Amino acid sequence: MRTLLTAAVLLAGSVTPSQPAADPAVVRTDAGAVRGEVTGAYRVFQGIRYATAARWDAPHPVEAWQGVRDATKPGAMCPQVGSDYAPTHSENEDCLYLNVTTPAREAAKRPVAKRPVMVWIHGDGAVGAGHFSDARKLAAKGTVVVTINYRLGVFGGFGYPGLRNSGTFGLQDQQEALRWVRRNAAAFGGDPDNVTVFGVSFGAMAIGGQLTSPGARGLFQRAIMQSGEAMMDMPANSMVPGVPASPSFAWLPEADVAARGRQYAQQLGCSDLACLRALPVKKILAVPYIMNVFQVYAYGNEVLPSSPAEALRNGRFHRVPVLAGATRDEHRLFVGMNYDVQGKSPDYPKLVREAFGDKADQILREYPEKRYKSPSLAWAAVLTDRMWARGTHEQNTLLARHVPVYGYEFADRRAPMFLPLEADFDWGAYHAADLPYLFADPKARFTPAQEELSDRITTYWAAFARTGDPNTSGLPAWPRVGRGTLSLAPRAIRTVDYAAEHRLAFWN
């Protein structure tokens, strides 16, 4: 039966000159056929169910179906309450869907080599969905792009005493999606043995977990991490005013996550898992901050045996080439949202003293407020260097001891703001500002120079997905980590000394 099914899948993606061409909008997956859309240069399949999962349980492959399922609309988003910058909402737990974008299929007389596959893990961890990322720019470079939904917030990172693999359900969903890709990539013209997992922000940090998770071994051959790394800690007041310091932004011991779960269960009026699993989604989402409190993953279990930061420091990770970097002004986004968008100004010296204690005077001398146009920009410069640049540089240096690593910095300080944020504030090359350069976004109005930069970035990313090396004909050379970091700006792609630019000698 397995042999016959495999043959059917392969036949669905190819024809010979003696056969009539199959409908390019229909692809047969291992569970059944789906019908997407063929639009000019692309084929787009949306809302393909890749798994099912009970609340706080491991995901399972979707059951087979008869007939041809519609794949022209996105599947349901995972439960979320949205935010000021992402006005989304969902209460649907049946949400494990993915989307596939490919170039239009070539004529049957020209057999095409299998294309590299790129699997996108979106950011935030409490809001979002795969279908928000329009992958046509990357598909135009000859790749098959898969964007996925995965459980978020309390549904993806919840823990409770006795709950197996507490705090890892979002990671498990990502691995299940990668297993789906391994089984089905060939049907869409992709190479199941050449898969690049890539993500931004919380999605990139999740990739740091996948690099060290035993269950992810062999599921991807390359990794791209954008504005998110496994090493980042969190000084006091850094992400949100009033939040204390944390030794890790994304990882907590399983016992700590379980203790949080017990605390929130009491707020929900429950004393056991059975009660929690029976609650309506709406009631769970009504608890203040419950999505964000579980915007973490737990280690000390089967999925993540140890902290990814510790694992990387000890050289315990899957040996795959890595492309990783950050934006030039990462933390301006968070400072701007916390203060300027709300018509406030931070007390810069007070924040530095609360975050860094007896080191504060040194930091205030290194980053004097008078050097910057506003207290917000001074505070953002401190945290960009201390949190983002230091962690990114440490991560890339550790990885480069064992595998090829290519570091970058997105440096377009006039990148269009695609989030619904209004303030008289210099956002610079803010956190995730590079997303419209990879994914089509009608809200991002580019200059001709920015259009050219977008084309170059997608060319680099596709080349890396194809070979594990972003270097390609016609573009500036990209050195490996240790020989420089590539700065990406309109008509100014060049190698920079990342450590010097971000004063890492001072911070280290």
Protein backbone atom coordinates (compact mmCIF):
# COMPACT_ATOMS: atom_id res chain seq x y z
CA MET A 1 0.00 0.00 0.00
CA ARG A 2 2.81 2.45 0.91
CA THR A 3 4.55 1.77 -2.44
CA LEU A 4 1.36 2.44 -4.38
CA LEU A 5 0.69 5.62 -2.44
CA THR A 6 4.22 6.91 -3.00
CA ALA A 7 3.90 6.25 -6.72
CA ALA A 8 0.61 8.14 -6.83
CA VAL A 9 2.16 11.13 -5.09
CA LEU A 10 5.10 11.23 -7.51
CA LEU A 11 2.84 10.90 -10.54
CA ALA A 12 0.69 13.79 -9.35
CA GLY A 13 3.66 16.14 -9.65
CA SER A 14 5.02 15.08 -13.06
CA VAL A 15 3.92 14.14 -16.57
CA THR A 16 5.59 12.76 -19.67
CA PRO A 17 5.22 14.12 -23.22
CA SER A 18 2.93 11.21 -24.12
CA GLN A 19 0.47 12.07 -21.33
CA PRO A 20 -2.05 14.90 -21.23
CA ALA A 21 -0.88 17.54 -18.74
CA ALA A 22 -2.50 17.13 -15.33
CA ASP A 23 -4.43 20.02 -13.81
CA PRO A 24 -1.67 22.17 -12.25
CA ALA A 25 -4.11 23.41 -9.61
CA VAL A 26 -4.55 19.89 -8.18
CA VAL A 27 -1.91 18.14 -6.10
CA ARG A 28 -2.28 14.82 -4.33
CA THR A 29 -0.78 14.82 -0.85
CA ASP A 30 -0.24 11.66 1.20
CA ALA A 31 -3.65 12.21 2.84
CA GLY A 32 -5.65 13.28 -0.22
CA ALA A 33 -5.94 15.71 -3.13
CA VAL A 34 -6.14 19.50 -2.81
CA ARG A 35 -7.09 22.14 -5.35
CA GLY A 36 -5.32 25.49 -5.15
CA GLU A 37 -5.08 28.45 -7.52
CA VAL A 38 -2.87 29.01 -10.53
CA THR A 39 -2.28 32.74 -10.93
CA GLY A 40 0.11 33.68 -13.71
CA ALA A 41 3.60 32.79 -12.53
CA TYR A 42 2.54 31.00 -9.33
CA ARG A 43 0.61 28.15 -7.85
CA VAL A 44 -0.80 28.88 -4.39
CA PHE A 45 -2.37 26.33 -2.04
CA GLN A 46 -3.88 27.61 1.20
CA GLY A 47 -5.46 26.03 4.24
CA ILE A 48 -4.03 22.52 3.88
CA ARG A 49 -4.58 20.69 7.14
CA TYR A 50 -1.30 19.04 8.20
CA ALA A 51 -2.22 17.75 11.66
CA THR A 52 -4.80 17.65 14.42
CA ALA A 53 -4.24 18.02 18.14
CA ALA A 54 -6.30 17.92 21.29
CA ARG A 55 -5.68 20.77 23.74
CA TRP A 56 -2.19 20.44 25.27
CA ASP A 57 -1.52 17.15 23.53
CA ALA A 58 0.97 16.14 20.84
CA PRO A 59 -0.11 16.75 17.24
CA HIS A 60 -0.96 13.81 14.98
CA PRO A 61 -0.89 13.55 11.17
CA VAL A 62 -4.20 14.37 9.53
CA GLU A 63 -6.43 11.44 8.54
CA ALA A 64 -6.86 10.67 4.85
CA TRP A 65 -9.85 12.04 2.94
CA GLN A 66 -11.70 11.23 -0.26
CA GLY A 67 -12.18 13.58 -3.17
CA VAL A 68 -10.46 16.91 -3.73
CA ARG A 69 -10.40 19.45 -0.92
CA ASP A 70 -10.50 23.16 -1.61
CA ALA A 71 -7.16 24.89 -0.93
CA THR A 72 -7.96 28.42 -2.09
CA LYS A 73 -8.60 30.01 1.30
CA PRO A 74 -6.53 30.19 4.50
CA GLY A 75 -7.31 27.83 7.34
CA ALA A 76 -8.39 29.05 10.76
CA MET A 77 -5.87 30.99 12.82
CA CYS A 78 -4.88 29.47 16.14
CA PRO A 79 -6.52 31.03 19.24
CA GLN A 80 -5.31 34.59 19.87
CA VAL A 81 -6.61 37.88 21.20
CA GLY A 82 -4.62 40.24 19.02
CA SER A 83 -2.79 43.41 20.01
CA ASP A 84 -2.50 47.10 19.15
CA TYR A 85 -0.16 46.25 16.26
CA ALA A 86 -1.99 43.08 15.15
CA PRO A 87 -5.79 43.35 15.45
CA THR A 88 -6.49 39.63 15.06
CA HIS A 89 -8.78 37.28 16.96
CA SER A 90 -9.54 33.57 16.90
CA GLU A 91 -11.09 31.00 19.22
CA ASN A 92 -10.64 28.04 16.87
CA GLU A 93 -8.35 25.26 18.15
CA ASP A 94 -8.70 23.34 14.88
CA CYS A 95 -5.96 25.46 13.38
CA LEU A 96 -3.01 23.33 12.24
CA TYR A 97 -2.96 24.40 8.61
CA LEU A 98 -0.23 25.35 6.17
CA ASN A 99 0.09 27.09 2.81
CA VAL A 100 2.30 26.29 -0.18
CA THR A 101 3.48 28.73 -2.86
CA THR A 102 5.40 27.46 -5.89
CA PRO A 103 6.42 28.82 -9.28
CA ALA A 104 4.05 27.88 -12.08
CA ARG A 105 4.80 24.40 -13.37
CA GLU A 106 6.96 24.33 -16.51
CA ALA A 107 5.98 22.58 -19.72
CA ALA A 108 6.15 18.79 -19.60
CA LYS A 109 8.92 18.67 -22.22
CA ARG A 110 11.30 20.46 -19.86
CA PRO A 111 11.83 18.33 -16.77
CA VAL A 112 12.68 20.52 -13.80
CA ALA A 113 15.06 19.63 -10.99
CA LYS A 114 13.44 19.48 -7.59
CA ARG A 115 13.34 22.90 -6.02
CA PRO A 116 14.63 23.82 -2.56
CA VAL A 117 11.88 24.03 0.04
CA MET A 118 11.63 26.89 2.54
CA VAL A 119 9.41 26.48 5.63
CA TRP A 120 8.45 29.75 7.34
CA ILE A 121 7.78 30.01 11.10
CA HIS A 122 6.11 33.35 11.76
CA GLY A 123 7.02 35.53 14.70
CA ASP A 124 5.42 36.93 17.84
CA GLY A 125 4.36 33.64 19.48
CA ALA A 126 1.01 35.05 20.68
CA VAL A 127 -0.55 36.36 17.44
CA GLY A 128 -0.24 35.61 13.74
CA ALA A 129 -0.73 32.91 11.13
CA GLY A 130 1.15 31.52 8.15
CA HIS A 131 -1.13 33.00 5.50
CA PHE A 132 -0.18 36.57 6.45
CA SER A 133 3.18 35.99 4.73
CA ASP A 134 2.76 36.29 0.95
CA ALA A 135 5.60 34.11 -0.36
CA ARG A 136 5.50 34.98 -4.06
CA LYS A 137 8.77 36.97 -3.95
CA LEU A 138 10.70 33.93 -2.75
CA ALA A 139 8.85 31.50 -5.00
CA ALA A 140 9.84 33.67 -7.95
CA LYS A 141 13.44 32.80 -7.12
CA GLY A 142 12.75 29.11 -7.78
CA THR A 143 11.77 27.88 -4.33
CA VAL A 144 8.78 26.08 -2.85
CA VAL A 145 7.66 28.07 0.20
CA VAL A 146 5.56 26.61 3.01
CA THR A 147 4.09 28.90 5.69
CA ILE A 148 2.58 27.29 8.77
CA ASN A 149 0.22 27.86 11.66
CA TYR A 150 1.26 26.57 15.08
CA ARG A 151 -0.28 26.83 18.53
CA LEU A 152 0.42 30.15 20.24
CA GLY A 153 0.68 31.56 23.73
CA VAL A 154 -1.11 29.54 26.38
CA PHE A 155 -2.08 26.89 23.81
CA GLY A 156 1.50 26.44 22.59
CA GLY A 157 3.58 27.03 25.71
CA PHE A 158 1.32 25.97 28.59
CA GLY A 159 2.65 23.75 31.34
CA TYR A 160 1.10 21.93 34.27
CA PRO A 161 2.40 19.39 36.81
CA GLY A 162 2.24 15.92 35.27
CA LEU A 163 1.52 17.19 31.75
CA ARG A 164 3.88 15.39 29.38
CA ASN A 165 6.27 17.71 27.53
CA SER A 166 4.76 20.77 29.16
CA GLY A 167 5.44 24.02 27.43
CA THR A 168 6.50 22.60 24.04
CA PHE A 169 3.30 22.19 22.02
CA GLY A 170 4.14 24.96 19.54
CA LEU A 171 7.54 23.35 18.92
CA GLN A 172 5.86 19.99 18.42
CA ASP A 173 3.49 21.52 15.85
CA GLN A 174 6.43 22.93 13.92
CA GLN A 175 8.09 19.52 13.83
CA GLU A 176 4.87 17.89 12.65
CA ALA A 177 4.64 20.44 9.84
CA LEU A 178 8.23 19.62 8.86
CA ARG A 179 7.35 15.92 8.77
CA TRP A 180 4.42 16.77 6.49
CA VAL A 181 6.85 18.66 4.24
CA ARG A 182 9.19 15.67 4.13
CA ARG A 183 6.33 13.43 2.99
CA ASN A 184 4.75 15.86 0.53
CA ALA A 185 7.37 18.26 -0.84
CA ALA A 186 7.92 16.22 -3.99
CA ALA A 187 4.26 16.46 -4.96
CA PHE A 188 4.65 20.26 -5.14
CA GLY A 189 7.92 20.09 -7.06
CA GLY A 190 10.12 20.44 -3.99
CA ASP A 191 13.09 18.45 -2.76
CA PRO A 192 12.29 16.75 0.58
CA ASP A 193 16.04 16.37 1.19
CA ASN A 194 16.71 20.10 0.81
CA VAL A 195 14.55 21.91 3.36
CA THR A 196 15.40 25.28 4.90
CA VAL A 197 13.53 26.31 8.03
CA PHE A 198 13.41 30.09 8.42
CA GLY A 199 11.66 32.45 10.78
CA VAL A 200 11.61 35.86 12.42
CA SER A 201 11.61 37.04 16.03
CA PHE A 202 9.85 34.40 18.17
CA GLY A 203 9.85 32.12 15.12
CA ALA A 204 13.63 32.48 14.81
CA MET A 205 14.05 31.73 18.52
CA ALA A 206 11.93 28.62 18.00
CA ILE A 207 14.41 27.56 15.32
CA GLY A 208 17.10 27.87 18.00
CA GLY A 209 15.07 25.25 19.85
CA GLN A 210 14.66 23.07 16.76
CA LEU A 211 18.43 23.14 16.22
CA THR A 212 18.81 21.41 19.60
CA SER A 213 15.65 19.26 19.73
CA PRO A 214 16.17 15.51 19.17
CA GLY A 215 12.81 15.28 17.38
CA ALA A 216 13.90 17.74 14.68
CA ARG A 217 16.93 15.73 13.58
CA GLY A 218 16.90 15.27 9.80
CA LEU A 219 13.78 17.40 9.25
CA PHE A 220 15.71 20.34 7.77
CA GLN A 221 19.09 20.80 6.12
CA ARG A 222 19.57 24.56 6.57
CA ALA A 223 18.35 27.27 8.96
CA ILE A 224 17.76 31.02 8.67
CA MET A 225 17.19 33.02 11.85
CA GLN A 226 16.01 36.63 11.49
CA SER A 227 15.93 38.97 14.51
CA GLY A 228 15.72 36.16 17.02
CA GLU A 229 18.37 34.05 18.69
CA ALA A 230 18.69 31.40 21.34
CA MET A 231 21.00 33.35 23.65
CA MET A 232 19.00 36.48 24.50
CA ASP A 233 18.29 37.41 28.11
CA MET A 234 16.02 40.24 29.26
CA PRO A 235 17.15 43.15 31.47
CA ALA A 236 14.52 44.77 33.69
CA ASN A 237 12.05 47.07 31.90
CA SER A 238 13.47 46.08 28.52
CA MET A 239 10.50 44.61 26.67
CA VAL A 240 7.74 46.15 28.79
CA PRO A 241 8.10 48.74 31.58
CA GLY A 242 7.74 47.17 35.00
CA VAL A 243 8.69 43.63 33.94
CA PRO A 244 11.66 42.31 35.96
CA ALA A 245 14.85 40.88 34.52
CA SER A 246 14.94 37.31 33.22
CA PRO A 247 17.98 35.16 32.38
CA SER A 248 16.23 34.00 29.21
CA PHE A 249 13.70 35.55 26.88
CA ALA A 250 12.23 32.37 25.41
CA TRP A 251 13.28 29.38 27.53
CA LEU A 252 12.22 28.34 31.04
CA PRO A 253 12.69 25.11 33.02
CA GLU A 254 9.66 22.86 32.71
CA ALA A 255 9.02 23.07 36.48
CA ASP A 256 8.73 26.86 36.26
CA VAL A 257 6.31 26.70 33.34
CA ALA A 258 4.24 24.09 35.21
CA ALA A 259 4.13 26.34 38.27
CA ARG A 260 2.81 29.19 36.12
CA GLY A 261 0.18 26.82 34.75
CA ARG A 262 -1.01 25.89 38.24
CA GLN A 263 -1.26 29.58 39.15
CA TYR A 264 -3.38 30.39 36.10
CA ALA A 265 -5.51 27.30 36.63
CA GLN A 266 -6.54 28.74 40.00
CA GLN A 267 -7.57 31.99 38.33
CA LEU A 268 -9.70 29.92 35.95
CA GLY A 269 -11.30 28.02 38.83
CA CYS A 270 -9.67 24.69 38.00
CA SER A 271 -7.69 22.24 40.11
CA ASP A 272 -6.77 19.69 37.43
CA LEU A 273 -6.09 19.28 33.72
CA ALA A 274 -9.48 17.75 32.99
CA CYS A 275 -11.17 20.93 34.17
CA LEU A 276 -8.80 23.12 32.14
CA ARG A 277 -9.29 21.06 28.98
CA ALA A 278 -13.06 21.39 29.27
CA LEU A 279 -13.06 25.19 29.46
CA PRO A 280 -14.23 27.23 26.48
CA VAL A 281 -11.41 28.94 24.62
CA LYS A 282 -13.10 32.30 25.25
CA LYS A 283 -12.82 31.89 29.02
CA ILE A 284 -9.12 31.02 28.83
CA LEU A 285 -8.37 34.01 26.60
CA ALA A 286 -10.21 36.32 28.99
CA VAL A 287 -7.51 35.92 31.67
CA PRO A 288 -5.27 39.03 31.44
CA TYR A 289 -1.81 38.41 29.92
CA ILE A 290 -2.35 34.64 29.71
CA MET A 291 -1.22 34.53 26.06
CA ASN A 292 1.97 36.48 26.73
CA VAL A 293 2.92 34.74 29.98
CA PHE A 294 3.16 31.45 28.06
CA GLN A 295 5.00 33.05 25.12
CA VAL A 296 7.92 30.80 26.07
CA TYR A 297 9.03 27.21 25.61
CA ALA A 298 10.01 24.80 28.37
CA TYR A 299 13.13 22.66 28.56
CA GLY A 300 13.97 19.63 30.65
CA ASN A 301 11.70 17.23 28.72
CA GLU A 302 11.74 14.94 25.68
CA VAL A 303 11.27 17.77 23.20
CA LEU A 304 13.93 20.09 24.66
CA PRO A 305 16.21 18.15 27.02
CA SER A 306 18.19 21.27 27.93
CA SER A 307 18.13 25.02 27.41
CA PRO A 308 18.97 25.74 23.75
CA ALA A 309 21.43 28.42 24.89
CA GLU A 310 23.26 25.87 27.04
CA ALA A 311 23.14 23.27 24.25
CA LEU A 312 24.68 25.70 21.74
CA ARG A 313 27.42 26.66 24.18
CA ASN A 314 28.25 22.97 24.52
CA GLY A 315 28.14 22.31 20.77
CA ARG A 316 25.03 20.10 20.96
CA PHE A 317 23.00 20.98 17.90
CA HIS A 318 22.14 19.61 14.46
CA ARG A 319 24.97 20.23 12.03
CA VAL A 320 23.35 22.37 9.32
CA PRO A 321 24.51 25.61 7.66
CA VAL A 322 23.01 28.72 9.26
CA LEU A 323 22.25 32.22 8.02
CA ALA A 324 21.42 34.51 10.94
CA GLY A 325 21.26 38.17 11.78
CA ALA A 326 19.34 41.14 13.11
CA THR A 327 18.32 44.66 12.19
CA ARG A 328 20.50 47.71 12.82
CA ASP A 329 18.06 49.27 15.33
CA GLU A 330 16.20 46.26 16.75
CA HIS A 331 14.89 47.75 19.96
CA ARG A 332 13.53 51.01 18.58
CA LEU A 333 10.28 49.20 17.80
CA PHE A 334 9.70 48.18 21.41
CA VAL A 335 10.75 51.51 22.93
CA GLY A 336 8.61 53.39 20.42
CA MET A 337 5.55 51.26 21.22
CA ASN A 338 6.07 51.53 24.99
CA TYR A 339 6.59 55.28 25.05
CA ASP A 340 6.34 57.46 21.93
CA VAL A 341 3.22 55.86 20.45
CA GLN A 342 1.57 56.56 23.81
CA GLY A 343 2.81 60.15 23.98
CA LYS A 344 5.34 59.38 26.72
CA SER A 345 9.08 59.82 27.15
CA PRO A 346 11.23 57.35 29.13
CA ASP A 347 13.32 58.39 32.14
CA TYR A 348 16.51 57.14 30.55
CA PRO A 349 18.92 57.33 33.53
CA LYS A 350 16.37 55.69 35.83
CA LEU A 351 15.77 52.83 33.39
CA VAL A 352 19.50 52.21 33.02
CA ARG A 353 19.99 52.15 36.78
CA GLU A 354 17.06 49.76 37.33
CA ALA A 355 18.27 47.44 34.58
CA PHE A 356 22.00 47.43 35.25
CA GLY A 357 22.54 48.44 38.87
CA ASP A 358 26.17 49.23 39.74
CA LYS A 359 27.13 49.15 36.03
CA ALA A 360 24.76 52.02 35.24
CA ASP A 361 27.30 54.86 35.45
CA GLN A 362 29.61 53.09 32.98
CA ILE A 363 26.73 52.57 30.57
CA LEU A 364 25.57 56.18 30.83
CA ARG A 365 29.09 57.32 29.99
CA GLU A 366 29.28 54.92 27.02
CA TYR A 367 25.78 55.91 25.81
CA PRO A 368 25.33 59.54 26.96
CA GLU A 369 21.82 60.84 26.43
CA LYS A 370 23.08 64.00 24.72
CA ARG A 371 24.45 61.88 21.85
CA TYR A 372 20.92 60.92 20.80
CA LYS A 373 17.97 62.94 19.56
CA SER A 374 15.72 61.69 22.37
CA PRO A 375 15.79 59.60 25.56
CA SER A 376 13.89 56.90 23.62
CA LEU A 377 16.66 56.57 21.06
CA ALA A 378 19.30 56.40 23.78
CA TRP A 379 17.46 53.62 25.64
CA ALA A 380 16.86 51.77 22.35
CA ALA A 381 20.56 51.95 21.47
CA VAL A 382 21.54 50.43 24.81
CA LEU A 383 19.11 47.54 24.48
CA THR A 384 19.80 46.92 20.78
CA ASP A 385 23.47 46.39 21.57
CA ARG A 386 23.11 44.67 24.94
CA MET A 387 20.22 42.30 24.14
CA TRP A 388 20.10 41.75 20.42
CA ALA A 389 23.59 42.30 19.05
CA ARG A 390 25.41 40.61 21.91
CA GLY A 391 23.17 37.54 21.77
CA THR A 392 23.25 37.31 17.97
CA HIS A 393 27.03 37.60 17.88
CA GLU A 394 27.51 34.98 20.60
CA GLN A 395 25.13 32.57 18.90
CA ASN A 396 26.73 32.96 15.47
CA THR A 397 30.23 32.60 16.89
CA LEU A 398 29.28 29.40 18.72
CA LEU A 399 27.60 27.89 15.66
CA ALA A 400 30.52 28.84 13.42
CA ARG A 401 32.85 26.57 15.39
CA HIS A 402 31.07 23.61 13.82
CA VAL A 403 29.10 24.65 10.70
CA PRO A 404 29.16 27.33 7.97
CA VAL A 405 27.47 30.48 9.33
CA TYR A 406 26.65 33.67 7.42
CA GLY A 407 25.82 36.71 9.56
CA TYR A 408 23.92 39.77 8.36
CA GLU A 409 22.55 43.08 9.55
CA PHE A 410 19.52 44.67 7.89
CA ALA A 411 20.48 48.35 7.83
CA ASP A 412 17.82 50.24 5.83
CA ARG A 413 17.07 53.02 8.32
CA ARG A 414 14.29 54.32 6.06
CA ALA A 415 12.47 51.01 5.81
CA PRO A 416 8.71 51.57 5.51
CA MET A 417 6.68 51.00 8.69
CA PHE A 418 4.21 48.23 7.86
CA LEU A 419 2.68 47.99 11.35
CA PRO A 420 -0.27 50.26 12.33
CA LEU A 421 1.89 52.45 14.58
CA GLU A 422 1.72 56.23 14.44
CA ALA A 423 4.18 58.47 16.23
CA ASP A 424 6.69 61.22 15.52
CA PHE A 425 9.51 58.76 16.03
CA ASP A 426 12.56 57.66 14.07
CA TRP A 427 11.95 53.92 13.75
CA GLY A 428 15.20 53.32 11.86
CA ALA A 429 15.93 49.73 10.83
CA TYR A 430 13.47 48.46 13.43
CA HIS A 431 12.73 44.90 14.58
CA ALA A 432 11.33 42.84 11.66
CA ALA A 433 11.64 45.80 9.26
CA ASP A 434 13.09 43.38 6.69
CA LEU A 435 9.89 41.32 6.40
CA PRO A 436 8.37 43.26 3.46
CA TYR A 437 11.69 42.79 1.64
CA LEU A 438 11.07 39.02 1.73
CA PHE A 439 7.29 38.80 1.60
CA ALA A 440 4.99 40.92 -0.57
CA ASP A 441 3.18 43.54 1.53
CA PRO A 442 0.93 46.16 -0.11
CA LYS A 443 1.39 48.46 2.91
CA ALA A 444 5.13 48.75 2.28
CA ARG A 445 5.77 51.51 -0.27
CA PHE A 446 9.28 50.99 -1.63
CA THR A 447 11.57 53.39 -3.43
CA PRO A 448 13.35 51.97 -6.51
CA ALA A 449 16.48 51.44 -4.38
CA GLN A 450 14.45 49.50 -1.80
CA GLU A 451 12.87 47.39 -4.55
CA GLU A 452 16.38 46.53 -5.69
CA LEU A 453 17.39 45.64 -2.12
CA SER A 454 14.35 43.38 -1.82
CA ASP A 455 15.34 41.59 -5.01
CA ARG A 456 18.89 41.10 -3.72
CA ILE A 457 17.79 39.83 -0.31
CA THR A 458 15.42 37.26 -1.79
CA THR A 459 18.17 36.19 -4.19
CA TYR A 460 20.58 35.66 -1.29
CA TRP A 461 17.98 33.75 0.75
CA ALA A 462 17.05 31.50 -2.19
CA ALA A 463 20.72 30.79 -2.97
CA PHE A 464 21.29 29.77 0.63
CA ALA A 465 18.24 27.50 0.51
CA ARG A 466 19.56 25.92 -2.67
CA THR A 467 23.18 25.27 -1.64
CA GLY A 468 23.78 26.30 1.98
CA ASP A 469 25.79 29.30 0.77
CA PRO A 470 24.12 32.66 -0.04
CA ASN A 471 26.86 33.72 -2.43
CA THR A 472 25.66 33.90 -6.01
CA SER A 473 26.68 35.51 -9.29
CA GLY A 474 26.10 39.23 -9.62
CA LEU A 475 25.83 40.09 -5.92
CA PRO A 476 28.44 41.35 -3.44
CA ALA A 477 30.42 38.59 -1.75
CA TRP A 478 29.08 37.39 1.61
CA PRO A 479 31.84 36.25 4.02
CA ARG A 480 31.39 33.59 6.65
CA VAL A 481 31.14 34.62 10.30
CA GLY A 482 34.64 35.34 11.56
CA ARG A 483 35.51 37.29 8.43
CA GLY A 484 32.76 39.89 8.68
CA THR A 485 29.02 40.49 8.72
CA LEU A 486 27.08 41.57 5.63
CA SER A 487 25.22 44.87 6.04
CA LEU A 488 22.12 45.06 3.82
CA ALA A 489 21.02 48.57 2.86
CA PRO A 490 19.77 50.17 -0.38
CA ARG A 491 22.71 50.39 -2.80
CA ALA A 492 25.06 49.85 0.13
CA ILE A 493 25.61 46.14 0.65
CA ARG A 494 28.97 45.84 2.36
CA THR A 495 30.92 43.93 4.99
CA VAL A 496 31.02 45.49 8.47
CA ASP A 497 32.62 44.75 11.83
CA TYR A 498 29.43 43.84 13.69
CA ALA A 499 31.11 43.59 17.11
CA ALA A 500 32.68 47.04 16.81
CA GLU A 501 29.52 48.63 15.43
CA HIS A 502 27.55 47.48 18.50
CA ARG A 503 30.26 48.08 21.12
CA LEU A 504 30.41 44.41 22.06
CA ALA A 505 33.88 44.76 23.58
CA PHE A 506 32.25 47.07 26.13
CA TRP A 507 29.36 44.72 26.84
CA ASN A 508 31.52 41.61 27.04
